[in-house]
């Protein structure tokens, strides 16, 4: 029982890394947002939500692998968790670095739009 709890805690620690992989990689190495700061922060929040969903999937798949490897030594579960972490975090870091913004001017909703005569 103790073995399973420690494996789940290790996986939970790795899941925190999965949550922060996308927003951190985008903020550190990705393209900067061309608009104002409020909208840029909104994109970082959305990236964090995507990372949270990926972390939940990571935790679920890791738990399934732990169930499948329950009769094997602990190293199989730990190795599987590390491989899954590298796959999930790698895909999210790649997505954060390569994310591009649409070439459109910032939102200027407060300015009146010109009307045609």
Protein backbone atom coordinates (compact mmCIF):
# COMPACT_ATOMS: atom_id res chain seq x y z
CA UNK A 1 0.00 0.00 0.00
CA UNK A 2 2.80 2.40 0.90
CA UNK A 3 4.44 1.71 -2.47
CA UNK A 4 1.32 2.79 -4.35
CA UNK A 5 0.90 5.98 -2.35
CA UNK A 6 4.52 7.00 -2.90
CA UNK A 7 4.19 6.30 -6.64
CA UNK A 8 1.05 8.42 -6.80
CA UNK A 9 2.76 11.27 -4.94
CA UNK A 10 5.73 11.09 -7.31
CA UNK A 11 3.33 11.21 -10.27
CA UNK A 12 1.52 14.17 -8.72
CA UNK A 13 4.83 16.01 -8.40
CA UNK A 14 5.57 15.33 -12.07
CA UNK A 15 2.04 16.50 -12.96
CA UNK A 16 2.86 19.93 -11.50
CA UNK A 17 5.73 20.12 -13.99
CA UNK A 18 3.35 19.23 -16.81
CA UNK A 19 0.99 22.05 -15.78
CA UNK A 20 3.74 24.67 -15.96
CA UNK A 21 5.53 23.35 -19.08
CA UNK A 22 3.39 25.17 -21.66
CA UNK A 23 3.06 28.62 -20.06
CA UNK A 24 6.68 28.69 -18.88
CA UNK A 25 8.13 27.68 -22.25
CA UNK A 26 5.95 30.18 -24.06
CA UNK A 27 6.79 33.04 -21.71
CA UNK A 28 10.51 32.21 -21.70
CA UNK A 29 11.25 31.17 -25.29
CA UNK A 30 8.06 31.78 -27.28
CA UNK A 31 6.83 34.69 -29.36
CA UNK A 32 5.87 37.77 -27.40
CA UNK A 33 2.31 39.02 -27.66
CA UNK A 34 2.01 42.13 -29.87
CA UNK A 35 -0.88 43.67 -27.93
CA UNK A 36 -1.40 45.05 -24.45
CA UNK A 37 -0.45 43.18 -21.29
CA UNK A 38 -3.97 42.19 -20.20
CA UNK A 39 -4.60 40.07 -23.28
CA UNK A 40 -1.11 38.55 -23.10
CA UNK A 41 -1.78 37.47 -19.50
CA UNK A 42 -5.06 35.92 -20.68
CA UNK A 43 -3.14 33.77 -23.14
CA UNK A 44 -0.81 32.59 -20.37
CA UNK A 45 -3.86 31.64 -18.27
CA UNK A 46 -5.32 29.67 -21.20
CA UNK A 47 -1.98 27.93 -21.67
CA UNK A 48 -2.00 27.02 -17.98
CA UNK A 49 -5.52 25.56 -18.31
CA UNK A 50 -4.34 23.46 -21.26
CA UNK A 51 -1.42 22.29 -19.12
CA UNK A 52 -3.80 21.42 -16.28
CA UNK A 53 -5.91 19.24 -18.59
CA UNK A 54 -2.74 17.57 -19.88
CA UNK A 55 -1.63 16.96 -16.27
CA UNK A 56 -4.95 15.29 -15.43
CA UNK A 57 -4.57 13.03 -18.48
CA UNK A 58 -0.94 12.35 -17.50
CA UNK A 59 -1.99 11.39 -13.98
CA UNK A 60 -4.75 9.13 -15.30
CA UNK A 61 -2.52 7.34 -17.79
CA UNK A 62 0.20 6.99 -15.15
CA UNK A 63 -2.29 5.50 -12.70
CA UNK A 64 -3.46 3.05 -15.35
CA UNK A 65 0.16 2.02 -15.99
CA UNK A 66 0.69 1.64 -12.24
CA UNK A 67 -2.33 -0.68 -12.13
CA UNK A 68 -1.00 -2.70 -15.06
CA UNK A 69 2.50 -2.96 -13.53
CA UNK A 70 1.33 -3.64 -9.97
CA UNK A 71 2.97 -7.09 -9.86
CA UNK A 72 6.28 -5.82 -11.24
CA UNK A 73 9.05 -4.03 -9.35
CA UNK A 74 8.60 -0.34 -8.56
CA UNK A 75 11.19 0.69 -11.13
CA UNK A 76 8.79 -0.16 -13.97
CA UNK A 77 6.23 2.28 -12.62
CA UNK A 78 8.82 4.99 -11.99
CA UNK A 79 10.36 4.51 -15.44
CA UNK A 80 6.91 4.66 -17.05
CA UNK A 81 6.08 7.87 -15.14
CA UNK A 82 9.33 9.48 -16.26
CA UNK A 83 8.79 8.49 -19.91
CA UNK A 84 5.21 9.79 -19.81
CA UNK A 85 6.42 13.02 -18.20
CA UNK A 86 9.04 13.52 -20.90
CA UNK A 87 6.46 12.91 -23.64
CA UNK A 88 3.79 15.18 -22.15
CA UNK A 89 6.17 17.96 -21.11
CA UNK A 90 8.08 17.73 -24.40
CA UNK A 91 4.94 18.16 -26.48
CA UNK A 92 3.79 21.08 -24.33
CA UNK A 93 7.19 22.80 -24.43
CA UNK A 94 7.26 22.40 -28.21
CA UNK A 95 3.76 23.84 -28.40
CA UNK A 96 4.70 26.78 -26.18
CA UNK A 97 7.80 27.65 -28.18
CA UNK A 98 6.13 27.38 -31.57
CA UNK A 99 2.82 29.10 -30.68
CA UNK A 100 2.22 32.10 -32.94
CA UNK A 101 -0.23 34.95 -32.69
CA UNK A 102 -2.42 36.02 -35.55
CA UNK A 103 -1.13 39.06 -37.44
CA UNK A 104 -3.91 41.38 -36.36
CA UNK A 105 -3.79 44.72 -34.60
CA UNK A 106 -4.67 44.75 -30.89
CA UNK A 107 -8.29 45.01 -29.81
CA UNK A 108 -9.41 48.65 -30.00
CA UNK A 109 -13.05 48.20 -29.10
CA UNK A 110 -13.29 51.59 -27.36
CA UNK A 111 -12.41 53.56 -30.50
CA UNK A 112 -15.34 54.41 -32.79
CA UNK A 113 -15.35 52.61 -36.10
CA UNK A 114 -15.48 54.79 -39.22
CA UNK A 115 -18.67 54.49 -41.20
CA UNK A 116 -18.92 54.71 -44.98
CA UNK A 117 -20.93 57.66 -46.39
